[in-house]
Amino acid sequence: MTDAESLFHTYKDDVYRFALSYTRSREEAEDICQTVFEKLLRQKTITPGKEKAWLMQTCANACRNLLRCHWWQRTAPLDSASALEAEEEHPVKQAIHSLAPHYRAVVYLYYYEGYSTQEIASLLHISQTLVSTRLHRARQTLKQLLEE
């Protein structure tokens, strides 16, 4: 098995879940996951021990690029598909999915992937203070949503 293939098998679920949390679309998450691993194949070197960080950073960049895309902003999910997904989800998961993408990203990386605020700042190319602020605001929003 090649190095890229072993990285794919090791981190494909992490990259997919992160893309899914960012985009809230299975199809878009699959496309982004494919894009990330295609970039991995073209990447000449990755610092040993930093493979997951590189993959997550590349995934975050791809998600941000997609969300900035004019075409994507004009699309809307099918009502029946989104209604079915909403019925199956846990209330906390629904509340997290209702957050703005930049809040969802930091919540996912912090709580689901276990990254520190400093590592998240490095992955998303933002300050550590901004990561902490986004986490705080996301928690406040989640608290309000869940109390309702």
C-alpha atoms as a PDB file:
ATOM      1  CA  MET A   1       0.000   0.000   0.000  1.00  0.00           C
ATOM      2  CA  THR A   2       1.336   3.439  -0.905  1.00  0.00           C
ATOM      3  CA  ASP A   3       1.700   6.206   1.648  1.00  0.00           C
ATOM      4  CA  ALA A   4      -1.183   8.214   0.123  1.00  0.00           C
ATOM      5  CA  GLU A   5      -3.377   5.121   0.129  1.00  0.00           C
ATOM      6  CA  SER A   6      -2.657   4.417   3.783  1.00  0.00           C
ATOM      7  CA  LEU A   7      -3.400   8.068   4.651  1.00  0.00           C
ATOM      8  CA  PHE A   8      -6.663   7.783   2.741  1.00  0.00           C
ATOM      9  CA  HIS A   9      -7.751   4.714   4.679  1.00  0.00           C
ATOM     10  CA  THR A  10      -6.675   6.275   7.971  1.00  0.00           C
ATOM     11  CA  TYR A  11      -8.223   9.746   7.587  1.00  0.00           C
ATOM     12  CA  LYS A  12     -11.021   9.488   5.004  1.00  0.00           C
ATOM     13  CA  ASP A  13     -13.757   9.433   7.663  1.00  0.00           C
ATOM     14  CA  ASP A  14     -12.282  12.413   9.537  1.00  0.00           C
ATOM     15  CA  VAL A  15     -12.026  14.500   6.373  1.00  0.00           C
ATOM     16  CA  TYR A  16     -15.527  13.516   5.266  1.00  0.00           C
ATOM     17  CA  ARG A  17     -17.110  14.315   8.649  1.00  0.00           C
ATOM     18  CA  PHE A  18     -15.365  17.691   8.763  1.00  0.00           C
ATOM     19  CA  ALA A  19     -16.530  18.542   5.241  1.00  0.00           C
ATOM     20  CA  LEU A  20     -20.041  17.368   6.114  1.00  0.00           C
ATOM     21  CA  SER A  21     -20.115  19.524   9.240  1.00  0.00           C
ATOM     22  CA  TYR A  22     -18.981  22.513   7.198  1.00  0.00           C
ATOM     23  CA  THR A  23     -21.255  22.110   4.153  1.00  0.00           C
ATOM     24  CA  ARG A  24     -24.226  20.163   5.601  1.00  0.00           C
ATOM     25  CA  SER A  25     -24.464  18.308   2.297  1.00  0.00           C
ATOM     26  CA  ARG A  26     -23.415  14.698   1.807  1.00  0.00           C
ATOM     27  CA  GLU A  27     -22.770  15.206  -1.887  1.00  0.00           C
ATOM     28  CA  GLU A  28     -20.655  18.323  -1.362  1.00  0.00           C
ATOM     29  CA  ALA A  29     -18.749  16.616   1.455  1.00  0.00           C
ATOM     30  CA  GLU A  30     -17.978  13.670  -0.817  1.00  0.00           C
ATOM     31  CA  ASP A  31     -16.757  16.029  -3.554  1.00  0.00           C
ATOM     32  CA  ILE A  32     -14.573  17.932  -1.118  1.00  0.00           C
ATOM     33  CA  CYS A  33     -13.198  14.702   0.315  1.00  0.00           C
ATOM     34  CA  GLN A  34     -12.268  13.595  -3.194  1.00  0.00           C
ATOM     35  CA  THR A  35     -10.665  16.959  -3.922  1.00  0.00           C
ATOM     36  CA  VAL A  36      -8.597  16.801  -0.716  1.00  0.00           C
ATOM     37  CA  PHE A  37      -7.226  13.346  -1.494  1.00  0.00           C
ATOM     38  CA  GLU A  38      -6.526  14.293  -5.111  1.00  0.00           C
ATOM     39  CA  LYS A  39      -4.431  17.182  -3.773  1.00  0.00           C
ATOM     40  CA  LEU A  40      -2.701  14.695  -1.479  1.00  0.00           C
ATOM     41  CA  LEU A  41      -1.700  12.620  -4.482  1.00  0.00           C
ATOM     42  CA  ARG A  42      -0.205  15.712  -6.156  1.00  0.00           C
ATOM     43  CA  GLN A  43       1.525  16.879  -2.962  1.00  0.00           C
ATOM     44  CA  LYS A  44       5.231  16.117  -3.083  1.00  0.00           C
ATOM     45  CA  THR A  45       6.013  16.233   0.627  1.00  0.00           C
ATOM     46  CA  ILE A  46       4.111  16.509   3.879  1.00  0.00           C
ATOM     47  CA  THR A  47       5.887  16.897   7.184  1.00  0.00           C
ATOM     48  CA  PRO A  48       5.839  13.518   8.923  1.00  0.00           C
ATOM     49  CA  GLY A  49       3.394  13.522  11.811  1.00  0.00           C
ATOM     50  CA  LYS A  50       1.461  16.475  10.338  1.00  0.00           C
ATOM     51  CA  GLU A  51      -0.521  14.537   7.747  1.00  0.00           C
ATOM     52  CA  LYS A  52      -3.893  14.874   9.487  1.00  0.00           C
ATOM     53  CA  ALA A  53      -3.359  18.565  10.085  1.00  0.00           C
ATOM     54  CA  TRP A  54      -2.514  19.048   6.387  1.00  0.00           C
ATOM     55  CA  LEU A  55      -5.617  17.113   5.333  1.00  0.00           C
ATOM     56  CA  MET A  56      -7.909  19.042   7.679  1.00  0.00           C
ATOM     57  CA  GLN A  57      -6.439  22.379   6.611  1.00  0.00           C
ATOM     58  CA  THR A  58      -6.848  21.464   2.949  1.00  0.00           C
ATOM     59  CA  CYS A  59     -10.417  20.373   3.680  1.00  0.00           C
ATOM     60  CA  ALA A  60     -11.194  23.653   5.469  1.00  0.00           C
ATOM     61  CA  ASN A  61      -9.812  25.626   2.530  1.00  0.00           C
ATOM     62  CA  ALA A  62     -11.861  23.601   0.043  1.00  0.00           C
ATOM     63  CA  CYS A  63     -15.014  24.110   2.129  1.00  0.00           C
ATOM     64  CA  ARG A  64     -14.450  27.855   2.374  1.00  0.00           C
ATOM     65  CA  ASN A  65     -13.849  28.049  -1.374  1.00  0.00           C
ATOM     66  CA  LEU A  66     -17.091  26.189  -2.013  1.00  0.00           C
ATOM     67  CA  LEU A  67     -19.088  28.402   0.340  1.00  0.00           C
ATOM     68  CA  ARG A  68     -17.692  31.508  -1.381  1.00  0.00           C
ATOM     69  CA  CYS A  69     -18.631  30.172  -4.806  1.00  0.00           C
ATOM     70  CA  HIS A  70     -21.399  32.221  -6.397  1.00  0.00           C
ATOM     71  CA  TRP A  71     -23.061  29.104  -7.836  1.00  0.00           C
ATOM     72  CA  TRP A  72     -23.226  27.358  -4.454  1.00  0.00           C
ATOM     73  CA  GLN A  73     -24.763  30.366  -2.754  1.00  0.00           C
ATOM     74  CA  ARG A  74     -27.705  30.256  -5.180  1.00  0.00           C
ATOM     75  CA  THR A  75     -28.493  26.578  -4.613  1.00  0.00           C
ATOM     76  CA  ALA A  76     -31.049  25.315  -2.128  1.00  0.00           C
ATOM     77  CA  PRO A  77     -31.479  21.812  -0.734  1.00  0.00           C
ATOM     78  CA  LEU A  78     -34.487  19.774  -1.757  1.00  0.00           C
ATOM     79  CA  ASP A  79     -37.206  20.282   0.841  1.00  0.00           C
ATOM     80  CA  SER A  80     -38.050  16.610   1.152  1.00  0.00           C
ATOM     81  CA  ALA A  81     -34.424  15.529   1.575  1.00  0.00           C
ATOM     82  CA  SER A  82     -33.651  18.157   4.194  1.00  0.00           C
ATOM     83  CA  ALA A  83     -36.891  17.370   6.053  1.00  0.00           C
ATOM     84  CA  LEU A  84     -36.004  13.678   6.230  1.00  0.00           C
ATOM     85  CA  GLU A  85     -32.522  14.434   7.534  1.00  0.00           C
ATOM     86  CA  ALA A  86     -33.885  16.858  10.127  1.00  0.00           C
ATOM     87  CA  GLU A  87     -36.317  14.284  11.506  1.00  0.00           C
ATOM     88  CA  GLU A  88     -33.564  11.716  12.026  1.00  0.00           C
ATOM     89  CA  GLU A  89     -31.141  14.010  13.830  1.00  0.00           C
ATOM     90  CA  HIS A  90     -30.629  14.501  17.526  1.00  0.00           C
ATOM     91  CA  PRO A  91     -31.615  17.989  18.842  1.00  0.00           C
ATOM     92  CA  VAL A  92     -28.003  18.870  19.692  1.00  0.00           C
ATOM     93  CA  LYS A  93     -26.873  17.839  16.226  1.00  0.00           C
ATOM     94  CA  GLN A  94     -29.673  19.897  14.691  1.00  0.00           C
ATOM     95  CA  ALA A  95     -28.607  22.903  16.741  1.00  0.00           C
ATOM     96  CA  ILE A  96     -24.984  22.515  15.648  1.00  0.00           C
ATOM     97  CA  HIS A  97     -26.055  22.262  12.006  1.00  0.00           C
ATOM     98  CA  SER A  98     -28.010  25.489  12.358  1.00  0.00           C
ATOM     99  CA  LEU A  99     -24.844  27.406  13.298  1.00  0.00           C
ATOM    100  CA  ALA A 100     -23.044  29.534  10.726  1.00  0.00           C
ATOM    101  CA  PRO A 101     -20.301  27.596   8.882  1.00  0.00           C
ATOM    102  CA  HIS A 102     -17.422  29.346  10.657  1.00  0.00           C
ATOM    103  CA  TYR A 103     -18.919  28.415  14.043  1.00  0.00           C
ATOM    104  CA  ARG A 104     -19.645  24.824  12.963  1.00  0.00           C
ATOM    105  CA  ALA A 105     -16.039  24.413  11.835  1.00  0.00           C
ATOM    106  CA  VAL A 106     -14.491  25.393  15.162  1.00  0.00           C
ATOM    107  CA  VAL A 107     -17.061  23.393  17.157  1.00  0.00           C
ATOM    108  CA  TYR A 108     -16.385  20.309  15.059  1.00  0.00           C
ATOM    109  CA  LEU A 109     -12.602  20.601  15.258  1.00  0.00           C
ATOM    110  CA  TYR A 110     -12.630  21.325  18.995  1.00  0.00           C
ATOM    111  CA  TYR A 111     -15.232  18.863  20.251  1.00  0.00           C
ATOM    112  CA  TYR A 112     -15.235  16.096  17.671  1.00  0.00           C
ATOM    113  CA  GLU A 113     -11.608  16.027  16.521  1.00  0.00           C
ATOM    114  CA  GLY A 114     -10.058  17.152  19.807  1.00  0.00           C
ATOM    115  CA  TYR A 115      -7.867  19.926  18.425  1.00  0.00           C
ATOM    116  CA  SER A 116      -6.716  22.709  20.746  1.00  0.00           C
ATOM    117  CA  THR A 117      -7.615  26.327  20.010  1.00  0.00           C
ATOM    118  CA  GLN A 118      -4.029  26.937  18.912  1.00  0.00           C
ATOM    119  CA  GLU A 119      -4.150  24.016  16.461  1.00  0.00           C
ATOM    120  CA  ILE A 120      -7.515  25.161  15.097  1.00  0.00           C
ATOM    121  CA  ALA A 121      -6.132  28.649  14.589  1.00  0.00           C
ATOM    122  CA  SER A 122      -3.268  27.194  12.590  1.00  0.00           C
ATOM    123  CA  LEU A 123      -5.570  24.963  10.521  1.00  0.00           C
ATOM    124  CA  LEU A 124      -8.042  27.717   9.666  1.00  0.00           C
ATOM    125  CA  HIS A 125      -5.467  30.522   9.340  1.00  0.00           C
ATOM    126  CA  ILE A 126      -7.115  32.676  11.986  1.00  0.00           C
ATOM    127  CA  SER A 127      -5.957  33.931  15.370  1.00  0.00           C
ATOM    128  CA  GLN A 128      -6.288  31.844  18.502  1.00  0.00           C
ATOM    129  CA  THR A 129      -8.363  34.643  20.021  1.00  0.00           C
ATOM    130  CA  LEU A 130     -10.806  34.427  17.127  1.00  0.00           C
ATOM    131  CA  VAL A 131     -11.103  30.664  17.623  1.00  0.00           C
ATOM    132  CA  SER A 132     -11.905  31.210  21.304  1.00  0.00           C
ATOM    133  CA  THR A 133     -14.419  33.923  20.430  1.00  0.00           C
ATOM    134  CA  ARG A 134     -16.132  31.712  17.862  1.00  0.00           C
ATOM    135  CA  LEU A 135     -16.299  28.825  20.336  1.00  0.00           C
ATOM    136  CA  HIS A 136     -17.778  31.117  22.976  1.00  0.00           C
ATOM    137  CA  ARG A 137     -20.383  32.551  20.591  1.00  0.00           C
ATOM    138  CA  ALA A 138     -21.224  29.090  19.268  1.00  0.00           C
ATOM    139  CA  ARG A 139     -21.770  27.824  22.822  1.00  0.00           C
ATOM    140  CA  GLN A 140     -24.004  30.796  23.598  1.00  0.00           C
ATOM    141  CA  THR A 141     -26.035  30.253  20.440  1.00  0.00           C
ATOM    142  CA  LEU A 142     -26.331  26.525  21.132  1.00  0.00           C
ATOM    143  CA  LYS A 143     -27.467  27.223  24.683  1.00  0.00           C
ATOM    144  CA  GLN A 144     -30.178  29.564  23.427  1.00  0.00           C
ATOM    145  CA  LEU A 145     -31.293  27.119  20.734  1.00  0.00           C
ATOM    146  CA  LEU A 146     -31.452  24.187  23.101  1.00  0.00           C
ATOM    147  CA  GLU A 147     -33.311  26.106  25.799  1.00  0.00           C
ATOM    148  CA  GLU A 148     -36.061  26.905  23.297  1.00  0.00           C
END
